[in-house]
Amino acid sequence: MQHLIYAGRPPDEQRETFLRIIGNDPVVSPILEAAAGLDLPEWWLVSGVLYNTIWNTLTGRPPGYGIKDADLFYFDDTDLSYAAEDRVIAAAAPFTRHLPVPVEIRNQARVHLWFEDKFGVPYPPLRSGCEGIARFTSRAHAVGVRLEKDGSLRLHAPFGLDDIFAFRLVPNTVLDNQRTHMAKAQRAKSCWPELEVVPWAEG
């Protein structure tokens, strides 16, 4: 149970540990540096590339294990067109194509335009990127980090970090997204069998 050494620890200790692991990881660190150079409005590196890195470190798995891609979010509500988002993706390509994993860039201000068609769940418009992080399907998924201009790492984790350090996937019921929660949990457990998957509460 060595992988659970930070579970239940004080939030400040968990935060310090989380940022130390992320900041020193050979997969995540160059992604953060490249993202900072893009100077996107309210950007965050989010979700799997972060918590998967914690799980890999604490279970002794190699950097990048189980990580398919890195999700990079930004929030720009001045132009909600696909064309505007596509221009950002194209402009970023020269800065991200050399990175250890593919980087997927999405404007959170326009998620409501396509989310229901893709996932079958209504998605009210977001007012910020942070609000989008708080809607991720499981509480452990709800984490974002960005590299500030002074070189420090800024963390946003609306549900805290204990679910990540406890290897626990608890559904976030802010959206009726049970199918996605269970699908993502099944895939994650195939890579990290140490995980505890909390099912969606019936009724």
Protein backbone atom coordinates (compact mmCIF):
# COMPACT_ATOMS: atom_id res chain seq x y z
CA MET A 1 0.00 0.00 0.00
CA GLN A 2 3.02 2.26 -0.41
CA HIS A 3 1.22 4.06 -3.23
CA LEU A 4 -1.28 5.45 -0.70
CA ILE A 5 1.30 7.24 1.45
CA TYR A 6 -0.19 10.67 0.70
CA ALA A 7 -3.85 9.68 1.00
CA GLY A 8 -5.56 11.54 3.81
CA ARG A 9 -2.60 13.85 4.33
CA PRO A 10 -3.18 17.59 4.96
CA PRO A 11 -4.21 19.53 1.83
CA ASP A 12 -1.09 21.71 1.87
CA GLU A 13 1.15 18.65 1.92
CA GLN A 14 -0.81 17.06 -0.91
CA ARG A 15 -0.60 20.26 -2.94
CA GLU A 16 3.15 20.55 -2.44
CA THR A 17 3.66 16.90 -3.36
CA PHE A 18 1.41 17.13 -6.41
CA LEU A 19 3.20 20.18 -7.82
CA ARG A 20 6.64 18.71 -7.07
CA ILE A 21 5.82 15.53 -8.99
CA ILE A 22 4.21 17.39 -11.89
CA GLY A 23 6.97 19.99 -12.09
CA ASN A 24 9.70 17.36 -12.27
CA ASP A 25 8.01 14.93 -14.63
CA PRO A 26 9.77 14.59 -18.02
CA VAL A 27 6.45 14.28 -19.86
CA VAL A 28 4.44 17.03 -18.16
CA SER A 29 7.13 19.66 -17.65
CA PRO A 30 7.84 20.32 -21.36
CA ILE A 31 4.12 20.46 -22.09
CA LEU A 32 3.65 23.16 -19.47
CA GLU A 33 6.57 25.13 -20.86
CA ALA A 34 5.23 24.91 -24.41
CA ALA A 35 1.72 25.86 -23.29
CA ALA A 36 3.00 28.90 -21.41
CA GLY A 37 4.72 30.07 -24.58
CA LEU A 38 1.43 30.04 -26.49
CA ASP A 39 0.05 32.79 -24.21
CA LEU A 40 -3.54 31.57 -24.52
CA PRO A 41 -6.26 33.27 -22.45
CA GLU A 42 -6.98 31.49 -19.15
CA TRP A 43 -5.22 28.30 -20.18
CA TRP A 44 -4.91 25.13 -18.12
CA LEU A 45 -3.27 21.78 -18.66
CA VAL A 46 -5.90 19.45 -17.25
CA SER A 47 -7.04 16.02 -16.24
CA GLY A 48 -5.42 12.72 -17.24
CA VAL A 49 -1.88 13.82 -18.01
CA LEU A 50 -1.78 15.20 -14.46
CA TYR A 51 -3.42 12.57 -12.27
CA ASN A 52 -2.02 9.71 -14.36
CA THR A 53 1.45 11.14 -13.73
CA ILE A 54 0.83 11.07 -9.97
CA TRP A 55 -0.35 7.46 -10.16
CA ASN A 56 2.66 6.45 -12.26
CA THR A 57 5.09 8.05 -9.84
CA LEU A 58 3.51 6.51 -6.75
CA THR A 59 3.28 3.02 -8.26
CA GLY A 60 6.75 3.03 -9.80
CA ARG A 61 5.54 2.99 -13.39
CA PRO A 62 7.54 4.84 -16.06
CA PRO A 63 6.73 8.46 -17.02
CA GLY A 64 4.03 8.64 -19.65
CA TYR A 65 2.64 5.16 -18.94
CA GLY A 66 -1.06 4.99 -19.88
CA ILE A 67 -1.18 8.61 -21.07
CA LYS A 68 -2.72 8.90 -24.54
CA ASP A 69 -2.60 12.66 -24.86
CA ALA A 70 -2.59 15.94 -22.96
CA ASP A 71 -5.65 18.19 -22.77
CA LEU A 72 -4.89 21.89 -22.98
CA PHE A 73 -7.86 24.17 -22.31
CA TYR A 74 -8.22 27.89 -22.80
CA PHE A 75 -11.20 30.21 -22.45
CA ASP A 76 -12.00 32.82 -25.10
CA ASP A 77 -15.63 33.89 -25.41
CA THR A 78 -14.92 36.65 -27.95
CA ASP A 79 -15.23 34.23 -30.88
CA LEU A 80 -17.07 30.92 -30.46
CA SER A 81 -16.57 29.71 -34.01
CA TYR A 82 -14.85 26.46 -34.84
CA ALA A 83 -12.67 28.40 -37.26
CA ALA A 84 -11.25 30.54 -34.45
CA GLU A 85 -10.46 27.48 -32.35
CA ASP A 86 -8.92 25.78 -35.38
CA ARG A 87 -6.64 28.77 -35.96
CA VAL A 88 -5.36 28.45 -32.38
CA ILE A 89 -4.73 24.72 -32.88
CA ALA A 90 -2.86 25.35 -36.12
CA ALA A 91 -0.76 28.15 -34.63
CA ALA A 92 0.17 25.94 -31.68
CA ALA A 93 1.20 22.94 -33.77
CA PRO A 94 4.86 23.99 -34.32
CA PHE A 95 5.27 24.38 -30.56
CA THR A 96 3.61 21.10 -29.53
CA ARG A 97 4.45 18.54 -32.22
CA HIS A 98 7.80 17.66 -30.57
CA LEU A 99 6.26 16.92 -27.17
CA PRO A 100 6.21 13.43 -25.57
CA VAL A 101 2.44 12.98 -26.12
CA PRO A 102 -0.06 14.63 -28.50
CA VAL A 103 -1.63 17.83 -27.18
CA GLU A 104 -5.35 18.44 -27.74
CA ILE A 105 -6.34 22.11 -27.52
CA ARG A 106 -9.95 23.17 -26.95
CA ASN A 107 -11.69 26.46 -26.24
CA GLN A 108 -13.88 25.89 -23.19
CA ALA A 109 -16.09 28.83 -24.09
CA ARG A 110 -17.60 26.79 -26.95
CA VAL A 111 -17.98 23.35 -25.33
CA HIS A 112 -21.73 23.82 -24.96
CA LEU A 113 -22.02 23.97 -28.74
CA TRP A 114 -20.95 20.33 -29.26
CA PHE A 115 -21.02 18.50 -25.91
CA GLU A 116 -24.62 17.28 -26.00
CA ASP A 117 -24.31 15.93 -29.55
CA LYS A 118 -21.20 13.97 -28.54
CA PHE A 119 -22.14 12.77 -25.06
CA GLY A 120 -25.95 13.02 -24.99
CA VAL A 121 -25.94 15.27 -21.92
CA PRO A 122 -26.98 18.96 -21.82
CA TYR A 123 -24.09 21.30 -21.09
CA PRO A 124 -24.83 24.90 -20.03
CA PRO A 125 -22.37 27.53 -21.33
CA LEU A 126 -19.30 28.04 -19.19
CA ARG A 127 -18.28 31.36 -17.68
CA SER A 128 -14.63 30.40 -17.18
CA GLY A 129 -12.15 27.61 -17.71
CA CYS A 130 -12.19 26.86 -13.99
CA GLU A 131 -15.92 26.24 -14.16
CA GLY A 132 -15.26 23.68 -16.89
CA ILE A 133 -12.74 21.82 -14.73
CA ALA A 134 -15.38 21.56 -12.00
CA ARG A 135 -17.66 19.68 -14.43
CA PHE A 136 -15.28 16.83 -15.23
CA THR A 137 -16.91 13.44 -14.96
CA SER A 138 -15.03 12.21 -11.88
CA ARG A 139 -13.72 14.27 -9.00
CA ALA A 140 -10.17 13.02 -9.48
CA HIS A 141 -10.31 14.28 -13.07
CA ALA A 142 -11.06 17.82 -11.91
CA VAL A 143 -7.58 19.26 -11.75
CA GLY A 144 -5.71 21.84 -13.78
CA VAL A 145 -2.20 23.31 -13.68
CA ARG A 146 -0.58 26.17 -15.50
CA LEU A 147 2.87 27.67 -15.55
CA GLU A 148 2.86 31.31 -14.54
CA LYS A 149 5.14 33.98 -15.97
CA ASP A 150 7.26 33.95 -12.80
CA GLY A 151 7.93 30.22 -13.23
CA SER A 152 5.60 29.08 -10.47
CA LEU A 153 2.91 26.46 -10.97
CA ARG A 154 -0.69 27.41 -10.33
CA LEU A 155 -3.09 24.64 -9.31
CA HIS A 156 -6.87 24.49 -9.60
CA ALA A 157 -8.52 21.49 -7.94
CA PRO A 158 -12.13 22.24 -6.94
CA PHE A 159 -12.55 18.89 -5.16
CA GLY A 160 -9.08 18.85 -3.65
CA LEU A 161 -6.44 16.21 -4.32
CA ASP A 162 -7.29 13.41 -1.90
CA ASP A 163 -9.20 11.34 -4.48
CA ILE A 164 -6.10 11.37 -6.68
CA PHE A 165 -3.75 10.37 -3.86
CA ALA A 166 -6.26 7.78 -2.59
CA PHE A 167 -6.45 6.23 -6.09
CA ARG A 168 -10.21 6.70 -5.92
CA LEU A 169 -12.57 7.56 -8.78
CA VAL A 170 -15.69 9.20 -7.35
CA PRO A 171 -18.36 10.37 -9.79
CA ASN A 172 -18.99 14.09 -10.13
CA THR A 173 -22.76 14.30 -10.44
CA VAL A 174 -22.98 17.94 -11.54
CA LEU A 175 -23.83 16.49 -14.96
CA ASP A 176 -25.82 13.32 -15.63
CA ASN A 177 -22.77 11.65 -17.10
CA GLN A 178 -22.81 8.14 -15.65
CA ARG A 179 -21.87 6.42 -18.92
CA THR A 180 -18.72 8.51 -19.34
CA HIS A 181 -17.72 8.06 -15.70
CA MET A 182 -17.88 4.28 -15.94
CA ALA A 183 -16.19 4.10 -19.36
CA LYS A 184 -13.28 6.25 -18.23
CA ALA A 185 -13.03 4.35 -14.96
CA GLN A 186 -12.90 0.99 -16.75
CA ARG A 187 -10.10 2.16 -19.01
CA ALA A 188 -8.16 3.67 -16.07
CA LYS A 189 -8.45 0.54 -13.95
CA SER A 190 -7.02 -1.54 -16.79
CA CYS A 191 -3.85 0.58 -16.54
CA TRP A 192 -3.83 1.18 -12.78
CA PRO A 193 -5.49 -1.80 -11.05
CA GLU A 194 -4.79 -0.12 -7.70
CA LEU A 195 -7.77 2.18 -8.36
CA GLU A 196 -11.01 2.04 -6.43
CA VAL A 197 -13.97 2.89 -8.67
CA VAL A 198 -16.99 4.31 -6.86
CA PRO A 199 -20.13 3.56 -8.89
CA TRP A 200 -22.73 6.13 -9.81
CA ALA A 201 -25.39 6.27 -7.11
CA GLU A 202 -28.70 4.86 -8.28
CA GLY A 203 -31.76 7.09 -8.04
